[in-house]
C-alpha atoms as a PDB file:
ATOM      1  CA  MET A   1     111.891  82.061 114.078  1.00  0.00           C
ATOM      2  CA  ASP A   2     112.571  78.477 115.087  1.00  0.00           C
ATOM      3  CA  ARG A   3     110.872  76.196 112.542  1.00  0.00           C
ATOM      4  CA  THR A   4     110.772  73.303 115.033  1.00  0.00           C
ATOM      5  CA  ALA A   5     108.809  75.123 117.749  1.00  0.00           C
ATOM      6  CA  SER A   6     105.796  73.328 119.182  1.00  0.00           C
ATOM      7  CA  ILE A   7     102.285  74.749 118.914  1.00  0.00           C
ATOM      8  CA  ALA A   8     102.408  75.725 122.607  1.00  0.00           C
ATOM      9  CA  GLU A   9     105.720  77.543 122.062  1.00  0.00           C
ATOM     10  CA  MET A  10     104.314  79.360 119.039  1.00  0.00           C
ATOM     11  CA  LYS A  11     101.226  80.477 120.984  1.00  0.00           C
ATOM     12  CA  ALA A  12     103.443  81.742 123.812  1.00  0.00           C
ATOM     13  CA  ARG A  13     105.533  83.758 121.353  1.00  0.00           C
ATOM     14  CA  PHE A  14     102.472  85.333 119.766  1.00  0.00           C
ATOM     15  CA  ARG A  15     101.190  86.353 123.197  1.00  0.00           C
ATOM     16  CA  SER A  16     104.553  87.632 124.487  1.00  0.00           C
ATOM     17  CA  GLU A  17     105.443  89.695 121.425  1.00  0.00           C
ATOM     18  CA  THR A  18     102.407  91.967 121.453  1.00  0.00           C
ATOM     19  CA  ASN A  19     104.346  95.017 120.275  1.00  0.00           C
ATOM     20  CA  ARG A  20     105.762  93.222 117.251  1.00  0.00           C
ATOM     21  CA  VAL A  21     104.159  93.201 113.818  1.00  0.00           C
ATOM     22  CA  TRP A  22     104.037  89.704 112.310  1.00  0.00           C
ATOM     23  CA  VAL A  23     104.265  89.505 108.536  1.00  0.00           C
ATOM     24  CA  SER A  24     102.446  86.694 106.776  1.00  0.00           C
ATOM     25  CA  VAL A  25     102.149  85.441 103.240  1.00  0.00           C
ATOM     26  CA  HIS A  26      98.829  83.960 102.181  1.00  0.00           C
ATOM     27  CA  ARG A  27      98.872  80.917  99.873  1.00  0.00           C
ATOM     28  CA  GLY A  28     102.655  80.937 100.160  1.00  0.00           C
ATOM     29  CA  LYS A  29     104.978  83.457  98.550  1.00  0.00           C
ATOM     30  CA  TRP A  30     103.439  83.230  95.127  1.00  0.00           C
ATOM     31  CA  GLY A  31     104.189  85.263  92.055  1.00  0.00           C
ATOM     32  CA  PRO A  32     107.130  83.457  90.595  1.00  0.00           C
ATOM     33  CA  GLU A  33     105.589  80.222  91.966  1.00  0.00           C
ATOM     34  CA  PRO A  34     101.944  79.091  91.623  1.00  0.00           C
ATOM     35  CA  GLU A  35      99.908  80.026  94.696  1.00  0.00           C
ATOM     36  CA  ASN A  36      99.207  77.162  97.132  1.00  0.00           C
ATOM     37  CA  SER A  37     102.015  75.123  95.586  1.00  0.00           C
ATOM     38  CA  LEU A  38     104.647  73.416  97.703  1.00  0.00           C
ATOM     39  CA  ALA A  39     107.244  75.662  96.036  1.00  0.00           C
ATOM     40  CA  ALA A  40     105.319  78.809  97.091  1.00  0.00           C
ATOM     41  CA  ILE A  41     104.920  77.515 100.653  1.00  0.00           C
ATOM     42  CA  ARG A  42     108.650  76.762 100.849  1.00  0.00           C
ATOM     43  CA  ALA A  43     109.467  80.198  99.392  1.00  0.00           C
ATOM     44  CA  GLY A  44     107.427  81.784 102.200  1.00  0.00           C
ATOM     45  CA  ARG A  45     109.528  80.249 104.975  1.00  0.00           C
ATOM     46  CA  ASP A  46     111.472  83.500 105.386  1.00  0.00           C
ATOM     47  CA  TRP A  47     108.302  85.274 106.563  1.00  0.00           C
ATOM     48  CA  ASP A  48     106.849  84.996 110.075  1.00  0.00           C
ATOM     49  CA  VAL A  49     103.709  83.120 109.023  1.00  0.00           C
ATOM     50  CA  VAL A  50     102.688  81.194 105.912  1.00  0.00           C
ATOM     51  CA  GLU A  51      98.895  80.921 105.781  1.00  0.00           C
ATOM     52  CA  ILE A  52      97.182  78.293 103.675  1.00  0.00           C
ATOM     53  CA  ASP A  53      93.517  77.306 103.448  1.00  0.00           C
ATOM     54  CA  VAL A  54      93.051  73.561 103.777  1.00  0.00           C
ATOM     55  CA  ARG A  55      89.682  71.968 103.012  1.00  0.00           C
ATOM     56  CA  LEU A  56      88.461  68.375 102.976  1.00  0.00           C
ATOM     57  CA  ASP A  57      86.885  66.790  99.917  1.00  0.00           C
ATOM     58  CA  ALA A  58      83.847  64.502 100.120  1.00  0.00           C
ATOM     59  CA  GLU A  59      86.085  61.540 100.978  1.00  0.00           C
ATOM     60  CA  GLY A  60      87.892  63.424 103.748  1.00  0.00           C
ATOM     61  CA  THR A  61      91.135  64.022 101.836  1.00  0.00           C
ATOM     62  CA  PRO A  62      92.703  67.418 102.601  1.00  0.00           C
ATOM     63  CA  PHE A  63      93.508  69.760  99.711  1.00  0.00           C
ATOM     64  CA  LEU A  64      94.582  73.388  99.297  1.00  0.00           C
ATOM     65  CA  MET A  65      91.902  75.773  98.128  1.00  0.00           C
END
C-alpha cells in the first residue's frame, strides 16, 4: 500500500476492495517492542492498517492510551 496516499484515496481503496480482507495491528506490532511505542508503530508498517488509540489530556495534548 502506498504510504503517501491521501485520506480520500484511502477511503476509495477501502470501498473498492470489498472482497479483500484487511489485516490490522492494534497498538502497533508489539511483542518485541512496547505497545503504543513509536518502534511498535513503525514495525507495523508492513500490515494494511496500524490502529492506535489517541486521547487528549486535560490540557489538550494528545497521547497514546
